[in-house]
C-alpha atoms as a PDB file:
ATOM      1  CA  MET A   1      87.177 -21.310-208.887  1.00  0.00           C
ATOM      2  CA  ASP A   2      85.099 -17.585-209.918  1.00  0.00           C
ATOM      3  CA  PRO A   3      86.873 -16.181-212.814  1.00  0.00           C
ATOM      4  CA  GLU A   4      87.477 -12.640-211.224  1.00  0.00           C
ATOM      5  CA  ILE A   5      89.156 -14.645-207.915  1.00  0.00           C
ATOM      6  CA  ALA A   6      90.940 -16.768-210.539  1.00  0.00           C
ATOM      7  CA  SER A   7      92.301 -13.727-212.879  1.00  0.00           C
ATOM      8  CA  TYR A   8      94.252 -12.793-209.569  1.00  0.00           C
ATOM      9  CA  LYS A   9      96.175 -15.718-209.192  1.00  0.00           C
ATOM     10  CA  GLN A  10      99.732 -16.188-210.259  1.00  0.00           C
ATOM     11  CA  SER A  11      99.627 -18.837-213.231  1.00  0.00           C
ATOM     12  CA  ILE A  12      98.257 -21.557-210.586  1.00  0.00           C
ATOM     13  CA  VAL A  13      94.594 -22.966-210.622  1.00  0.00           C
ATOM     14  CA  ASN A  14      93.617 -25.245-207.971  1.00  0.00           C
ATOM     15  CA  VAL A  15      90.679 -27.891-207.939  1.00  0.00           C
ATOM     16  CA  LEU A  16      89.305 -30.058-204.989  1.00  0.00           C
ATOM     17  CA  CYS A  17      87.363 -33.156-206.411  1.00  0.00           C
ATOM     18  CA  ARG A  18      85.610 -36.403-204.549  1.00  0.00           C
ATOM     19  CA  ASP A  19      84.933 -39.329-206.387  1.00  0.00           C
ATOM     20  CA  SER A  20      82.090 -41.535-206.147  1.00  0.00           C
ATOM     21  CA  VAL A  21      83.941 -43.546-202.885  1.00  0.00           C
ATOM     22  CA  GLY A  22      85.162 -40.456-201.451  1.00  0.00           C
ATOM     23  CA  ASN A  23      88.912 -40.359-202.314  1.00  0.00           C
ATOM     24  CA  ARG A  24      90.050 -36.662-202.807  1.00  0.00           C
ATOM     25  CA  PHE A  25      92.218 -35.479-205.851  1.00  0.00           C
ATOM     26  CA  VAL A  26      93.927 -32.007-205.428  1.00  0.00           C
ATOM     27  CA  ILE A  27      94.744 -31.240-209.277  1.00  0.00           C
ATOM     28  CA  GLU A  28      96.949 -28.120-209.896  1.00  0.00           C
ATOM     29  CA  MET A  29      97.732 -26.456-212.849  1.00  0.00           C
ATOM     30  CA  GLN A  30     101.289 -24.283-213.150  1.00  0.00           C
ATOM     31  CA  LEU A  31     102.190 -21.901-216.167  1.00  0.00           C
ATOM     32  CA  THR A  32     105.492 -20.875-215.073  1.00  0.00           C
ATOM     33  CA  ARG A  33     108.349 -23.117-212.229  1.00  0.00           C
ATOM     34  CA  ASP A  34     107.962 -21.184-208.638  1.00  0.00           C
ATOM     35  CA  LYS A  35     110.414 -21.622-205.815  1.00  0.00           C
ATOM     36  CA  GLY A  36     109.606 -24.555-203.536  1.00  0.00           C
ATOM     37  CA  PHE A  37     106.690 -26.547-205.581  1.00  0.00           C
ATOM     38  CA  GLU A  38     107.302 -29.539-204.418  1.00  0.00           C
ATOM     39  CA  LYS A  39     106.771 -28.696-200.597  1.00  0.00           C
ATOM     40  CA  ARG A  40     103.591 -26.719-201.560  1.00  0.00           C
ATOM     41  CA  ALA A  41     102.214 -29.701-203.517  1.00  0.00           C
ATOM     42  CA  GLN A  42     102.889 -31.781-200.469  1.00  0.00           C
ATOM     43  CA  LEU A  43     101.589 -29.463-198.072  1.00  0.00           C
ATOM     44  CA  HIS A  44      98.232 -29.167-200.366  1.00  0.00           C
ATOM     45  CA  ALA A  45      97.708 -32.916-200.558  1.00  0.00           C
ATOM     46  CA  ALA A  46      98.134 -33.346-196.511  1.00  0.00           C
ATOM     47  CA  LYS A  47      95.712 -30.404-195.838  1.00  0.00           C
ATOM     48  CA  ALA A  48      92.748 -32.251-198.189  1.00  0.00           C
ATOM     49  CA  TYR A  49      93.951 -35.689-195.862  1.00  0.00           C
ATOM     50  CA  SER A  50      93.775 -33.878-192.351  1.00  0.00           C
ATOM     51  CA  ARG A  51      90.302 -31.804-193.545  1.00  0.00           C
ATOM     52  CA  GLN A  52      89.042 -35.420-194.337  1.00  0.00           C
ATOM     53  CA  LEU A  53      88.712 -35.555-189.932  1.00  0.00           C
ATOM     54  CA  ASP A  54      85.427 -34.826-188.611  1.00  0.00           C
ATOM     55  CA  LYS A  55      84.775 -34.217-184.808  1.00  0.00           C
ATOM     56  CA  SER A  56      83.994 -37.929-184.166  1.00  0.00           C
ATOM     57  CA  GLY A  57      87.865 -38.844-184.674  1.00  0.00           C
ATOM     58  CA  LYS A  58      87.638 -41.956-186.566  1.00  0.00           C
ATOM     59  CA  TYR A  59      90.907 -42.211-188.249  1.00  0.00           C
ATOM     60  CA  ILE A  60      89.735 -45.112-189.977  1.00  0.00           C
ATOM     61  CA  ASP A  61      87.387 -43.407-192.199  1.00  0.00           C
ATOM     62  CA  LEU A  62      90.285 -41.519-194.041  1.00  0.00           C
ATOM     63  CA  LYS A  63      90.219 -41.621-197.834  1.00  0.00           C
ATOM     64  CA  LYS A  64      93.447 -41.667-199.864  1.00  0.00           C
ATOM     65  CA  VAL A  65      94.311 -38.735-201.359  1.00  0.00           C
ATOM     66  CA  PHE A  66      95.965 -38.158-205.205  1.00  0.00           C
ATOM     67  CA  PHE A  67      97.596 -34.906-205.744  1.00  0.00           C
ATOM     68  CA  ILE A  68      97.893 -34.247-209.931  1.00  0.00           C
ATOM     69  CA  ALA A  69     100.191 -31.648-211.197  1.00  0.00           C
ATOM     70  CA  ILE A  70      99.700 -30.604-214.813  1.00  0.00           C
ATOM     71  CA  SER A  71     102.880 -28.143-215.384  1.00  0.00           C
ATOM     72  CA  ASN A  72     103.887 -26.416-218.394  1.00  0.00           C
ATOM     73  CA  CYS A  73     107.197 -26.302-217.333  1.00  0.00           C
ATOM     74  CA  ASN A  74     109.783 -29.342-216.176  1.00  0.00           C
ATOM     75  CA  LEU A  75     109.637 -30.131-212.461  1.00  0.00           C
ATOM     76  CA  PHE A  76     112.188 -33.053-212.583  1.00  0.00           C
ATOM     77  CA  PRO A  77     115.354 -34.289-214.060  1.00  0.00           C
ATOM     78  CA  ASN A  78     115.537 -35.559-217.427  1.00  0.00           C
ATOM     79  CA  GLU A  79     115.642 -38.955-216.689  1.00  0.00           C
ATOM     80  CA  VAL A  80     112.226 -38.863-215.382  1.00  0.00           C
ATOM     81  CA  ASP A  81     108.950 -39.441-217.858  1.00  0.00           C
ATOM     82  CA  TYR A  82     106.593 -37.061-218.476  1.00  0.00           C
ATOM     83  CA  ILE A  83     104.354 -38.991-216.147  1.00  0.00           C
ATOM     84  CA  SER A  84     106.120 -39.777-212.675  1.00  0.00           C
ATOM     85  CA  THR A  85     103.822 -41.447-209.948  1.00  0.00           C
ATOM     86  CA  HIS A  86     105.086 -40.997-206.073  1.00  0.00           C
ATOM     87  CA  THR A  87     104.066 -42.672-203.042  1.00  0.00           C
ATOM     88  CA  VAL A  88     105.377 -43.637-199.808  1.00  0.00           C
ATOM     89  CA  ARG A  89     107.747 -46.753-199.822  1.00  0.00           C
ATOM     90  CA  ASP A  90     109.714 -48.569-197.254  1.00  0.00           C
ATOM     91  CA  ILE A  91     113.119 -48.142-198.620  1.00  0.00           C
ATOM     92  CA  LYS A  92     114.559 -51.587-197.698  1.00  0.00           C
ATOM     93  CA  THR A  93     111.579 -53.970-199.189  1.00  0.00           C
ATOM     94  CA  ASN A  94     109.773 -50.973-202.100  1.00  0.00           C
ATOM     95  CA  GLY A  95     106.555 -51.706-200.085  1.00  0.00           C
ATOM     96  CA  HIS A  96     103.987 -49.560-200.404  1.00  0.00           C
ATOM     97  CA  TYR A  97     102.313 -49.901-196.685  1.00  0.00           C
ATOM     98  CA  LEU A  98     101.675 -45.898-196.119  1.00  0.00           C
ATOM     99  CA  LYS A  99      98.621 -45.565-198.549  1.00  0.00           C
ATOM    100  CA  GLY A 100      97.663 -42.295-197.782  1.00  0.00           C
ATOM    101  CA  PHE A 101      99.101 -39.940-200.267  1.00  0.00           C
ATOM    102  CA  GLN A 102      99.815 -40.251-204.154  1.00  0.00           C
ATOM    103  CA  SER A 103     101.285 -37.384-206.558  1.00  0.00           C
ATOM    104  CA  ILE A 104     101.180 -37.485-209.798  1.00  0.00           C
ATOM    105  CA  PHE A 105     102.940 -35.157-212.055  1.00  0.00           C
ATOM    106  CA  ILE A 106     102.271 -34.327-215.865  1.00  0.00           C
ATOM    107  CA  GLU A 107     105.264 -32.320-217.618  1.00  0.00           C
ATOM    108  CA  LEU A 108     103.747 -31.061-220.517  1.00  0.00           C
ATOM    109  CA  PRO A 109     107.421 -30.091-221.923  1.00  0.00           C
ATOM    110  CA  LYS A 110     108.547 -33.839-221.906  1.00  0.00           C
ATOM    111  CA  PHE A 111     105.290 -35.099-223.893  1.00  0.00           C
ATOM    112  CA  SER A 112     107.093 -35.243-227.127  1.00  0.00           C
ATOM    113  CA  LYS A 113     103.622 -36.488-229.289  1.00  0.00           C
ATOM    114  CA  SER A 114     102.479 -33.602-231.291  1.00  0.00           C
ATOM    115  CA  ARG A 115     100.265 -35.093-234.078  1.00  0.00           C
ATOM    116  CA  ALA A 116      96.625 -36.747-233.332  1.00  0.00           C
ATOM    117  CA  ASP A 117      97.455 -40.169-234.626  1.00  0.00           C
ATOM    118  CA  GLU A 118     100.264 -40.919-232.531  1.00  0.00           C
ATOM    119  CA  LEU A 119      98.083 -40.801-229.491  1.00  0.00           C
ATOM    120  CA  LYS A 120      97.846 -44.398-228.362  1.00  0.00           C
ATOM    121  CA  ASP A 121      95.217 -43.740-225.103  1.00  0.00           C
ATOM    122  CA  VAL A 122      93.278 -41.816-223.260  1.00  0.00           C
ATOM    123  CA  VAL A 123      95.958 -40.201-220.932  1.00  0.00           C
ATOM    124  CA  GLU A 124      98.132 -39.136-224.100  1.00  0.00           C
ATOM    125  CA  ARG A 125      95.218 -37.702-225.408  1.00  0.00           C
ATOM    126  CA  TRP A 126      94.405 -35.631-222.366  1.00  0.00           C
ATOM    127  CA  CYS A 127      98.120 -34.057-222.060  1.00  0.00           C
ATOM    128  CA  PHE A 128      97.643 -33.426-226.136  1.00  0.00           C
ATOM    129  CA  PHE A 129      94.507 -31.680-224.709  1.00  0.00           C
ATOM    130  CA  PHE A 130      96.407 -29.678-222.211  1.00  0.00           C
ATOM    131  CA  LYS A 131      99.495 -28.515-224.708  1.00  0.00           C
ATOM    132  CA  TYR A 132      98.147 -27.732-227.943  1.00  0.00           C
ATOM    133  CA  ALA A 133      94.672 -27.510-227.551  1.00  0.00           C
ATOM    134  CA  ASP A 134      94.408 -23.862-229.137  1.00  0.00           C
ATOM    135  CA  GLU A 135      96.556 -25.489-231.948  1.00  0.00           C
ATOM    136  CA  THR A 136      94.308 -28.469-232.216  1.00  0.00           C
ATOM    137  CA  THR A 137      92.899 -28.408-235.832  1.00  0.00           C
ATOM    138  CA  ASP A 138      88.937 -29.489-236.633  1.00  0.00           C
ATOM    139  CA  GLU A 139      90.756 -33.121-238.386  1.00  0.00           C
ATOM    140  CA  ASP A 140      92.549 -33.397-235.129  1.00  0.00           C
ATOM    141  CA  LEU A 141      89.804 -32.496-233.032  1.00  0.00           C
ATOM    142  CA  LYS A 142      87.692 -35.380-234.262  1.00  0.00           C
ATOM    143  CA  GLU A 143      90.519 -38.181-234.105  1.00  0.00           C
ATOM    144  CA  ILE A 144      90.960 -37.073-230.576  1.00  0.00           C
ATOM    145  CA  THR A 145      87.487 -37.027-229.416  1.00  0.00           C
ATOM    146  CA  LYS A 146      85.926 -39.570-231.071  1.00  0.00           C
ATOM    147  CA  GLU A 147      86.793 -42.143-228.482  1.00  0.00           C
ATOM    148  CA  SER A 148      86.154 -39.723-225.454  1.00  0.00           C
ATOM    149  CA  GLU A 149      82.956 -37.785-225.063  1.00  0.00           C
ATOM    150  CA  ALA A 150      84.823 -35.932-221.739  1.00  0.00           C
ATOM    151  CA  ILE A 151      87.770 -34.994-223.899  1.00  0.00           C
ATOM    152  CA  LYS A 152      85.306 -33.102-226.963  1.00  0.00           C
ATOM    153  CA  LEU A 153      83.536 -31.842-223.642  1.00  0.00           C
ATOM    154  CA  ALA A 154      86.638 -29.892-222.253  1.00  0.00           C
ATOM    155  CA  TYR A 155      87.027 -28.677-226.028  1.00  0.00           C
ATOM    156  CA  ASP A 156      83.959 -27.242-225.985  1.00  0.00           C
ATOM    157  CA  GLU A 157      84.754 -25.409-222.459  1.00  0.00           C
ATOM    158  CA  LEU A 158      87.082 -24.004-224.861  1.00  0.00           C
ATOM    159  CA  ASN A 159      85.030 -22.030-226.875  1.00  0.00           C
ATOM    160  CA  THR A 160      84.870 -18.552-226.311  1.00  0.00           C
ATOM    161  CA  ASP A 161      81.942 -18.487-228.413  1.00  0.00           C
ATOM    162  CA  ARG A 162      79.826 -20.030-225.854  1.00  0.00           C
ATOM    163  CA  TRP A 163      81.098 -18.048-222.477  1.00  0.00           C
ATOM    164  CA  ASN A 164      78.724 -15.111-220.692  1.00  0.00           C
ATOM    165  CA  MET A 165      80.473 -11.769-220.483  1.00  0.00           C
ATOM    166  CA  LYS A 166      81.442 -12.069-217.230  1.00  0.00           C
ATOM    167  CA  ASP A 167      83.666 -15.192-217.897  1.00  0.00           C
ATOM    168  CA  LEU A 168      85.283 -13.636-221.658  1.00  0.00           C
ATOM    169  CA  VAL A 169      86.224 -10.754-219.803  1.00  0.00           C
ATOM    170  CA  ALA A 170      87.782 -11.974-216.943  1.00  0.00           C
ATOM    171  CA  TYR A 171      89.678 -14.124-219.923  1.00  0.00           C
ATOM    172  CA  GLU A 172      90.561 -11.369-221.416  1.00  0.00           C
ATOM    173  CA  GLU A 173      91.936  -9.785-218.470  1.00  0.00           C
ATOM    174  CA  ARG A 174      94.367 -12.492-217.688  1.00  0.00           C
ATOM    175  CA  ILE A 175      95.319 -12.984-220.960  1.00  0.00           C
ATOM    176  CA  MET A 176      96.561  -9.259-220.594  1.00  0.00           C
ATOM    177  CA  ASP A 177      98.319  -9.342-217.488  1.00  0.00           C
ATOM    178  CA  LEU A 178     100.296 -12.803-218.448  1.00  0.00           C
ATOM    179  CA  ARG A 179     101.477 -10.734-221.554  1.00  0.00           C
ATOM    180  CA  LYS A 180     102.591  -7.522-219.633  1.00  0.00           C
ATOM    181  CA  GLU A 181     104.774 -10.052-217.662  1.00  0.00           C
ATOM    182  CA  GLU A 182     106.048 -11.168-220.356  1.00  0.00           C
ATOM    183  CA  ALA A 183     107.057  -8.128-221.568  1.00  0.00           C
ATOM    184  CA  ILE A 184     108.639  -7.306-218.648  1.00  0.00           C
ATOM    185  CA  LEU A 185     110.538 -10.725-218.173  1.00  0.00           C
ATOM    186  CA  GLU A 186     112.337  -9.762-221.733  1.00  0.00           C
ATOM    187  CA  TYR A 187     112.673  -5.989-220.809  1.00  0.00           C
ATOM    188  CA  LYS A 188     115.029  -7.584-217.636  1.00  0.00           C
ATOM    189  CA  LEU A 189     116.481 -10.063-220.159  1.00  0.00           C
ATOM    190  CA  ASP A 190     117.451  -7.119-222.283  1.00  0.00           C
ATOM    191  CA  ASN A 191     118.307  -5.146-219.563  1.00  0.00           C
ATOM    192  CA  ALA A 192     121.137  -7.427-217.683  1.00  0.00           C
ATOM    193  CA  THR A 193     122.105  -8.484-221.251  1.00  0.00           C
ATOM    194  CA  LYS A 194     123.240  -4.993-222.365  1.00  0.00           C
ATOM    195  CA  LYS A 195     124.634  -4.389-218.349  1.00  0.00           C
ATOM    196  CA  GLY A 196     126.557  -7.688-218.955  1.00  0.00           C
ATOM    197  CA  ILE A 197     128.406  -6.781-222.478  1.00  0.00           C
ATOM    198  CA  LYS A 198     129.513  -3.520-221.797  1.00  0.00           C
ATOM    199  CA  PHE A 199     130.740  -4.931-218.632  1.00  0.00           C
ATOM    200  CA  GLY A 200     132.598  -7.910-220.057  1.00  0.00           C
ATOM    201  CA  LYS A 201     133.963  -5.675-223.158  1.00  0.00           C
ATOM    202  CA  GLU A 202     135.653  -3.117-220.489  1.00  0.00           C
ATOM    203  CA  LYS A 203     137.031  -6.069-218.433  1.00  0.00           C
ATOM    204  CA  GLY A 204     138.072  -7.682-221.652  1.00  0.00           C
ATOM    205  CA  ARG A 205     140.496  -4.814-223.020  1.00  0.00           C
ATOM    206  CA  ALA A 206     142.843  -5.189-219.870  1.00  0.00           C
ATOM    207  CA  GLU A 207     141.837  -9.592-219.217  1.00  0.00           C
ATOM    208  CA  GLY A 208     141.376 -11.108-222.334  1.00  0.00           C
ATOM    209  CA  ILE A 209     138.549 -11.919-225.110  1.00  0.00           C
ATOM    210  CA  LEU A 210     137.571 -15.354-223.255  1.00  0.00           C
ATOM    211  CA  GLU A 211     137.797 -13.831-219.807  1.00  0.00           C
ATOM    212  CA  GLY A 212     136.136 -10.683-220.962  1.00  0.00           C
ATOM    213  CA  ARG A 213     133.230 -13.044-222.320  1.00  0.00           C
ATOM    214  CA  LYS A 214     133.144 -15.159-219.312  1.00  0.00           C
ATOM    215  CA  LEU A 215     133.016 -11.869-216.905  1.00  0.00           C
ATOM    216  CA  GLU A 216     130.166 -10.628-219.401  1.00  0.00           C
ATOM    217  CA  LYS A 217     128.164 -13.864-218.777  1.00  0.00           C
ATOM    218  CA  ILE A 218     128.844 -13.827-214.937  1.00  0.00           C
ATOM    219  CA  GLU A 219     127.406 -10.090-214.943  1.00  0.00           C
ATOM    220  CA  VAL A 220     124.394 -10.937-216.788  1.00  0.00           C
ATOM    221  CA  VAL A 221     123.548 -13.548-213.886  1.00  0.00           C
ATOM    222  CA  LYS A 222     124.125 -11.173-211.145  1.00  0.00           C
ATOM    223  CA  ASN A 223     122.002  -9.293-212.616  1.00  0.00           C
ATOM    224  CA  LEU A 224     119.085 -10.973-213.608  1.00  0.00           C
ATOM    225  CA  LEU A 225     119.525 -12.723-209.719  1.00  0.00           C
ATOM    226  CA  LYS A 226     118.526  -9.004-208.697  1.00  0.00           C
ATOM    227  CA  GLU A 227     116.268  -8.821-210.711  1.00  0.00           C
ATOM    228  CA  LYS A 228     114.504 -12.002-209.377  1.00  0.00           C
ATOM    229  CA  VAL A 229     114.225 -14.094-212.716  1.00  0.00           C
ATOM    230  CA  LEU A 230     113.689 -17.357-211.861  1.00  0.00           C
ATOM    231  CA  ILE A 231     116.851 -19.795-212.161  1.00  0.00           C
ATOM    232  CA  GLU A 232     115.096 -22.031-214.664  1.00  0.00           C
ATOM    233  CA  ILE A 233     114.993 -18.961-217.180  1.00  0.00           C
ATOM    234  CA  ILE A 234     118.325 -17.852-216.394  1.00  0.00           C
ATOM    235  CA  VAL A 235     119.471 -21.273-217.389  1.00  0.00           C
ATOM    236  CA  GLN A 236     118.020 -21.453-220.636  1.00  0.00           C
ATOM    237  CA  SER A 237     118.929 -17.605-221.370  1.00  0.00           C
ATOM    238  CA  THR A 238     122.820 -18.131-220.374  1.00  0.00           C
ATOM    239  CA  GLY A 239     123.340 -21.837-220.814  1.00  0.00           C
ATOM    240  CA  LEU A 240     124.908 -22.150-217.237  1.00  0.00           C
ATOM    241  CA  THR A 241     123.951 -24.559-214.992  1.00  0.00           C
ATOM    242  CA  ILE A 242     121.942 -24.361-211.851  1.00  0.00           C
ATOM    243  CA  GLU A 243     125.103 -24.944-209.518  1.00  0.00           C
ATOM    244  CA  GLU A 244     127.034 -22.338-211.631  1.00  0.00           C
ATOM    245  CA  ILE A 245     124.083 -19.934-211.010  1.00  0.00           C
ATOM    246  CA  GLU A 246     124.091 -20.512-207.309  1.00  0.00           C
ATOM    247  CA  ASN A 247     126.888 -20.303-206.913  1.00  0.00           C
ATOM    248  CA  LEU A 248     127.206 -16.707-208.095  1.00  0.00           C
ATOM    249  CA  LYS A 249     124.155 -15.649-205.491  1.00  0.00           C
END
């Protein structure tokens, strides 16, 4: 993507690739969780599949589409591994007969290895790159890249000393946008918490300390929902479950 266009994207970058036999790869990198992500993933894959069809209408020539999401937030429950692969399967036999689509999700928060000497294969090295690239030491870099020239090239691309001025300015503007978004979110959390504490104390005088604390937390959630803060962030901030928060809407 053109960096000037990319700087306006809300923490999402999409890339469409094609291999030597024509298979399509839709790659999405995402920093934050958003509503309807799973449906959007399927939509992007479906569009990449349907756009292959030319005027001749030769369905037999349609190539497989792989949707790959590299996410800096959790997308699925904890029992799902950090890399999960999804295909269309028959309910009774689990047979894989419809082979047009395959989706791969990489949830970086679930990737637990944090040292270069722990990495066993190229997949783990790439996950380490996506999660820890800006923290990688020169010693770790040698360990990671000695068996993969492609990963070395990726690290080289992150070296801003090699960027032209246009790319560097667009990158710095995007970083400033992210810092602004973080500051706005922090303000919303602080504001909602103060309102909740005030409300809880007032109610607590009449209804008891425990009830007051409960009402305080509920009021915090309500204020965050009014500010349209993501439910996942509210869960982390309050300790309530998604179901409890949904019931407060």
